[in-house]
Protein backbone atom coordinates (compact mmCIF):
# COMPACT_ATOMS: atom_id res chain seq x y z
CA GLU A 1 -45.08 -29.51 16.70
CA THR A 2 -44.55 -28.06 20.13
CA GLY A 3 -41.10 -26.65 20.76
CA THR A 4 -40.29 -25.83 17.12
CA GLY A 5 -40.08 -22.08 17.74
CA LYS A 6 -43.47 -20.79 16.64
CA GLY A 7 -43.14 -17.71 18.83
CA VAL A 8 -39.65 -16.97 17.52
CA CYS A 9 -40.92 -17.24 13.94
CA ALA A 10 -43.87 -14.94 14.66
CA LEU A 11 -41.57 -12.35 16.24
CA ALA A 12 -39.23 -12.55 13.24
CA ILE A 13 -42.16 -11.82 10.91
CA HIS A 14 -43.20 -8.87 13.07
CA GLU A 15 -39.70 -7.40 13.12
CA GLY A 16 -39.00 -8.24 9.49
CA ILE A 17 -41.83 -6.09 8.16
CA GLY A 18 -40.91 -3.18 10.42
CA ALA A 19 -44.19 -2.95 12.32
CA ARG A 20 -44.58 0.29 14.27
CA GLY A 21 -46.59 -1.19 17.10
CA ARG A 22 -45.91 -3.83 19.74
CA PHE A 23 -45.58 -7.58 19.39
CA VAL A 24 -48.11 -9.16 21.77
CA GLU A 25 -47.97 -12.92 22.36
CA VAL A 26 -50.98 -14.76 23.74
CA ASN A 27 -51.04 -18.41 24.80
CA CYS A 28 -54.69 -19.21 24.26
CA ALA A 29 -54.39 -22.52 26.10
CA ALA A 30 -53.24 -20.72 29.28
CA LEU A 31 -56.13 -18.24 29.46
CA PRO A 32 -58.94 -19.13 31.92
CA ARG A 33 -62.13 -19.60 29.93
CA GLU A 34 -64.06 -16.98 31.88
CA LEU A 35 -61.36 -14.35 31.29
CA ILE A 36 -60.47 -14.97 27.64
CA GLU A 37 -62.81 -12.35 26.18
CA SER A 38 -61.71 -9.76 28.73
CA GLU A 39 -58.01 -10.50 28.12
CA LEU A 40 -58.32 -10.25 24.35
CA PHE A 41 -60.77 -7.37 23.99
CA GLY A 42 -60.69 -5.60 27.37
CA HIS A 43 -63.56 -4.63 29.68
CA GLU A 44 -65.25 -1.57 31.13
CA LYS A 45 -65.37 -0.70 34.80
CA GLY A 46 -68.17 -2.53 36.60
CA SER A 47 -68.88 -4.89 33.70
CA PHE A 48 -68.54 -7.89 36.04
CA THR A 49 -67.56 -8.66 39.60
CA GLY A 50 -63.96 -7.63 40.11
CA ALA A 51 -63.87 -5.20 37.19
CA VAL A 52 -62.90 -2.23 39.36
CA SER A 53 -61.47 -0.26 36.45
CA ARG A 54 -61.36 -0.17 32.66
CA LYS A 55 -58.96 -2.65 31.11
CA ILE A 56 -57.39 -2.30 27.66
CA GLY A 57 -57.35 -5.70 25.93
CA LEU A 58 -54.45 -7.34 24.13
CA PHE A 59 -55.82 -6.47 20.69
CA GLU A 60 -55.79 -2.78 21.54
CA GLN A 61 -52.34 -3.10 23.08
CA ALA A 62 -51.07 -4.50 19.76
CA GLU A 63 -52.43 -1.57 17.73
CA SER A 64 -50.36 -1.01 14.55
CA GLY A 65 -48.33 -4.07 15.51
CA THR A 66 -48.78 -7.83 15.72
CA ILE A 67 -50.78 -10.11 17.98
CA PHE A 68 -49.63 -13.74 18.05
CA LEU A 69 -52.39 -16.16 19.07
CA ASP A 70 -50.52 -19.32 20.01
CA GLU A 71 -52.50 -22.57 20.38
CA ILE A 72 -55.55 -20.90 18.84
CA ALA A 73 -57.32 -24.26 18.44
CA GLU A 74 -57.58 -24.40 22.26
CA LEU A 75 -60.05 -21.51 22.29
CA PRO A 76 -63.60 -22.66 23.15
CA PRO A 77 -65.97 -22.70 20.13
CA ASP A 78 -68.03 -19.71 21.34
CA LEU A 79 -64.85 -17.62 21.73
CA GLN A 80 -63.76 -18.67 18.24
CA VAL A 81 -67.04 -17.25 16.94
CA LYS A 82 -66.45 -13.94 18.75
CA LEU A 83 -62.89 -13.77 17.46
CA LEU A 84 -64.11 -14.39 13.91
CA THR A 85 -66.66 -11.56 14.24
CA VAL A 86 -64.02 -9.17 15.53
CA LEU A 87 -61.61 -10.01 12.72
CA GLN A 88 -64.27 -9.70 10.02
CA ARG A 89 -65.49 -6.32 11.24
CA ARG A 90 -62.02 -5.08 12.22
CA GLU A 91 -63.52 -3.58 15.33
CA LEU A 92 -64.09 -4.79 18.86
CA ARG A 93 -66.24 -4.04 21.87
CA ARG A 94 -64.87 -4.29 25.36
CA VAL A 95 -66.82 -6.52 27.75
CA GLY A 96 -69.61 -4.38 29.18
CA GLY A 97 -69.04 -1.66 26.61
CA SER A 98 -71.20 -0.41 23.74
CA GLN A 99 -68.65 1.53 21.71
CA ALA A 100 -67.19 -0.13 18.62
CA ILE A 101 -63.42 0.35 18.62
CA PRO A 102 -61.65 -0.03 15.25
CA PHE A 103 -58.20 -1.56 15.28
CA ASN A 104 -55.32 -2.20 12.90
CA VAL A 105 -53.46 -5.32 13.96
CA ARG A 106 -51.58 -8.04 12.11
CA VAL A 107 -52.80 -11.43 13.37
CA ILE A 108 -50.53 -14.49 13.43
CA ALA A 109 -52.00 -17.69 14.82
CA ALA A 110 -50.47 -21.09 15.53
CA THR A 111 -51.48 -24.54 16.66
CA ASN A 112 -49.61 -27.74 17.39
CA ARG A 113 -52.60 -29.82 16.32
CA PRO A 114 -52.59 -31.21 12.77
CA LEU A 115 -55.00 -29.00 10.81
CA GLU A 116 -56.59 -31.93 8.99
CA ILE A 117 -57.66 -33.31 12.38
CA ALA A 118 -58.62 -30.07 14.12
CA LEU A 119 -60.75 -28.89 11.17
CA ASN A 120 -62.65 -32.14 10.85
CA ASP A 121 -63.30 -33.02 14.49
CA GLY A 122 -64.84 -29.65 15.31
CA THR A 123 -61.94 -28.47 17.47
CA PHE A 124 -61.11 -25.60 15.14
CA ARG A 125 -63.92 -23.80 13.30
CA ARG A 126 -63.61 -23.85 9.53
CA ASP A 127 -64.98 -20.33 9.09
CA LEU A 128 -62.31 -18.97 11.44
CA PHE A 129 -59.66 -20.92 9.56
CA PHE A 130 -60.82 -19.45 6.24
CA ARG A 131 -60.50 -15.98 7.78
CA ILE A 132 -56.97 -16.31 9.17
CA GLY A 133 -55.46 -19.09 7.02
CA SER A 134 -54.53 -17.02 3.97
CA LEU A 135 -50.83 -17.71 4.37
CA ARG A 136 -49.74 -20.92 6.10
CA ILE A 137 -46.26 -21.83 7.34
CA GLU A 138 -45.44 -25.26 8.68
CA LEU A 139 -42.41 -25.23 10.96
CA PRO A 140 -40.43 -28.45 10.47
CA ALA A 141 -39.49 -30.63 13.40
CA LEU A 142 -35.88 -30.33 14.54
CA ARG A 143 -35.15 -33.90 13.41
CA ASP A 144 -35.96 -32.79 9.84
CA ARG A 145 -33.70 -29.74 9.86
CA GLY A 146 -30.30 -31.36 9.24
CA ASP A 147 -27.34 -29.33 10.47
CA ASP A 148 -29.60 -26.76 12.11
CA VAL A 149 -29.34 -28.77 15.33
CA ILE A 150 -25.59 -28.05 15.44
CA LEU A 151 -26.01 -24.36 14.59
CA LEU A 152 -28.64 -24.01 17.32
CA ALA A 153 -26.55 -25.93 19.87
CA ARG A 154 -23.53 -23.69 19.24
CA HIS A 155 -25.72 -20.60 19.51
CA PHE A 156 -27.21 -21.79 22.81
CA ILE A 157 -23.75 -22.46 24.26
CA THR A 158 -22.62 -18.95 23.35
CA GLU A 159 -25.72 -17.40 24.90
CA LEU A 160 -25.68 -19.56 28.04
CA VAL A 161 -22.04 -18.88 28.96
CA LYS A 162 -22.19 -15.17 28.09
CA GLY A 163 -21.42 -13.07 31.14
CA LYS A 164 -21.02 -16.08 33.44
CA GLY A 165 -17.25 -16.35 33.27
CA ASP A 166 -17.43 -19.87 31.81
CA HIS A 167 -14.86 -20.92 29.24
CA ILE A 168 -16.83 -23.52 27.28
CA GLU A 169 -15.87 -23.14 23.63
CA GLY A 170 -18.21 -25.66 22.08
CA LEU A 171 -18.95 -29.33 21.54
CA ALA A 172 -16.67 -32.19 20.64
CA LEU A 173 -17.24 -33.36 17.08
CA GLU A 174 -18.51 -36.71 18.38
CA ALA A 175 -20.96 -34.89 20.65
CA GLU A 176 -22.29 -32.95 17.66
CA ALA A 177 -22.71 -36.24 15.79
CA LEU A 178 -24.86 -37.58 18.65
CA LEU A 179 -27.05 -34.48 18.59
CA LYS A 180 -27.62 -34.89 14.85
CA ARG A 181 -28.67 -38.54 15.25
CA TYR A 182 -31.14 -37.92 18.07
CA ASP A 183 -34.84 -37.74 17.24
CA TRP A 184 -35.72 -34.63 19.35
CA PRO A 185 -39.38 -35.24 20.26
CA GLY A 186 -39.33 -31.93 22.17
CA ASN A 187 -37.67 -30.10 19.26
CA VAL A 188 -35.72 -26.87 19.84
CA ARG A 189 -37.01 -26.45 23.39
CA GLN A 190 -35.64 -29.88 24.32
CA LEU A 191 -32.31 -29.11 22.64
CA LEU A 192 -31.95 -25.94 24.69
CA ASN A 193 -32.63 -27.92 27.86
CA VAL A 194 -29.99 -30.52 26.93
CA ILE A 195 -27.36 -27.88 26.17
CA ARG A 196 -28.18 -26.01 29.37
CA ARG A 197 -27.63 -29.17 31.41
CA ALA A 198 -24.38 -29.90 29.60
CA THR A 199 -22.98 -26.44 30.34
CA ILE A 200 -23.84 -26.91 34.02
CA LEU A 201 -22.17 -30.31 34.22
CA GLU A 202 -18.97 -29.50 32.33
CA ASN A 203 -15.94 -27.65 33.68
CA GLY A 204 -13.69 -28.02 30.63
CA ASN A 205 -13.48 -26.03 27.42
CA ILE A 206 -15.23 -28.65 25.29
CA ILE A 207 -18.44 -30.54 26.04
CA PRO A 208 -17.51 -34.19 25.40
CA ALA A 209 -19.61 -36.82 23.70
CA LEU A 210 -19.94 -38.83 26.91
CA THR A 211 -21.78 -35.98 28.60
CA ILE A 212 -24.22 -35.58 25.70
CA TYR A 213 -24.66 -39.36 25.46
CA HIS A 214 -25.51 -39.61 29.16
CA ILE A 215 -28.00 -36.72 29.01
CA LEU A 216 -29.78 -38.12 25.94
CA GLU A 217 -30.02 -41.57 27.50
CA GLU A 218 -31.58 -40.01 30.58
CA GLU A 219 -34.03 -38.12 28.38
CA LYS A 220 -35.11 -41.42 26.84
CA ARG A 221 -35.67 -42.96 30.27
CA LEU A 222 -37.58 -39.93 31.59
CA PHE A 223 -39.99 -39.83 28.67
CA ASN A 224 -40.15 -43.59 28.16
CA LEU A 225 -39.04 -43.29 24.57
CA ASN A 226 -38.72 -46.63 22.79
CA TYR A 227 -36.38 -45.58 20.00
CA PRO A 228 -32.57 -45.61 20.17
CA VAL A 229 -30.47 -42.47 20.03
CA ASP A 230 -29.13 -43.60 16.64
CA HIS A 231 -31.77 -45.18 14.38
CA GLY A 232 -29.22 -46.66 11.98
CA ALA A 233 -26.55 -47.98 14.33
CA PRO A 234 -26.58 -50.85 16.81
CA TYR A 235 -27.08 -49.90 20.45
CA THR A 236 -23.81 -49.21 22.27
CA PRO A 237 -23.74 -49.69 26.05
CA TYR A 238 -22.50 -46.66 27.99
CA LYS A 239 -19.49 -48.52 29.43
CA ASP A 240 -18.25 -49.37 25.90
CA PHE A 241 -19.04 -46.02 24.33
CA ARG A 242 -15.57 -44.48 24.75
CA ARG A 243 -14.00 -47.10 22.52
CA VAL A 244 -15.98 -46.12 19.43
CA LEU A 245 -15.28 -42.39 19.69
CA LEU A 246 -11.68 -42.62 18.50
CA THR A 247 -10.30 -45.11 16.00
CA GLU A 248 -6.82 -46.59 16.17
CA ALA A 249 -5.84 -44.72 13.00
CA GLU A 250 -6.92 -41.41 14.50
CA ALA A 251 -4.99 -42.14 17.69
CA GLN A 252 -1.86 -42.93 15.69
CA GLU A 253 -2.15 -39.67 13.73
CA ILE A 254 -2.44 -37.66 16.93
CA ILE A 255 0.57 -39.43 18.46
CA LYS A 256 2.67 -38.83 15.33
CA ALA A 257 1.68 -35.16 15.23
CA LEU A 258 2.62 -34.75 18.88
CA ASP A 259 5.98 -36.33 18.17
CA ARG A 260 6.62 -34.02 15.20
CA ASN A 261 5.77 -31.00 17.34
CA ARG A 262 7.80 -32.24 20.34
CA ASN A 263 4.66 -32.60 22.47
CA ASN A 264 3.64 -29.00 21.88
CA LYS A 265 -0.15 -29.34 22.12
CA THR A 266 -0.92 -25.90 20.69
CA LYS A 267 1.07 -26.56 17.50
CA THR A 268 -0.30 -30.10 17.27
CA ALA A 269 -3.91 -28.89 17.55
CA LYS A 270 -3.32 -26.29 14.82
CA GLU A 271 -1.76 -28.88 12.51
CA LEU A 272 -4.69 -31.24 12.99
CA GLY A 273 -7.30 -28.51 12.58
CA LEU A 274 -8.51 -28.85 16.17
CA THR A 275 -8.92 -26.50 19.11
CA ARG A 276 -6.69 -27.11 22.11
CA GLY A 277 -9.71 -28.36 24.05
CA GLN A 278 -10.64 -30.84 21.30
CA LEU A 279 -7.07 -32.17 21.27
CA ASP A 280 -7.03 -32.60 25.06
CA TYR A 281 -10.32 -34.48 24.84
CA ARG A 282 -8.93 -36.87 22.23
CA LEU A 283 -5.80 -37.48 24.26
CA LYS A 284 -8.02 -38.62 27.11
CA LEU A 285 -9.86 -40.99 24.78
CA ILE A 286 -6.60 -42.50 23.47
CA LYS A 287 -6.14 -44.19 26.83
CA CYS A 288 -9.29 -46.20 26.03
CA VAL A 289 -8.12 -47.38 22.58
CA PRO A 290 -6.94 -51.02 22.82
CA SER A 291 -4.09 -50.69 20.37
CA ALA A 292 -0.36 -50.31 19.87
CA GLY A 293 -1.06 -46.61 19.47
CA ARG A 294 -2.22 -46.41 23.06
CA ASP A 295 0.87 -48.25 24.27
CA ALA A 296 3.13 -45.91 22.34
CA PHE A 297 1.34 -42.90 23.78
CA GLU A 298 1.61 -44.19 27.35
CA LYS A 299 5.36 -44.79 26.92
């Protein structure tokens, strides 16, 4: 699926095997049809109008390294044939040139189209697939990756606030729970966008659940998604959402811990296994708990 990190995976393979050459990434869907051959294989001076000098193609630029052909199924059929010929012979000819140029390049290709469809509707040539499909890796959707969504969200927060002087430490536990229950149709790319928006909106140390909830609800409206944020739980209106984030028992425990520590929030947070920001966030939520615990806290 789009947004799962195909480019990141390809780069990791390139770096993992210690390739000596460059990593060259090509989005085949973004190349103008009339320039694809020139971009991939280069051209000689004067080979067509506008070719005022020799151009070294992307395959040559990736010599001894890796070329990543993203969205390869978007290549026109005639260009797929030329690519197949180049890969089989392990040599290329620049547009307008006659010299055969050997190359040594690792080829990684990707597509977001299901292979069983692309191979049978003529979109992706079978002979090309047989040439490059020796080892296949299917990147799972973010919704199928369990706790990875939390690990990625924490990583994005660290990277986004680095060098900006922000003091965001992370996500409230309830906010992380919301991220895990969301379906993520845009996968990792969508998650990064959500976390980026949250870091812009928040001034505190901890990104609260209400911020994440609001952003995810807006995502649903923007993309006209017809599934709830939580597949297994009843829909909770935004105005009532605060009440379900903190139970009465949890509020009572926090109040008792504060009392034992004489309202010292740092000691209380340490006793409860929370950061100071997480404790402050829960103290705000206690005011929304309709219980004796709230009354005791307010007194």
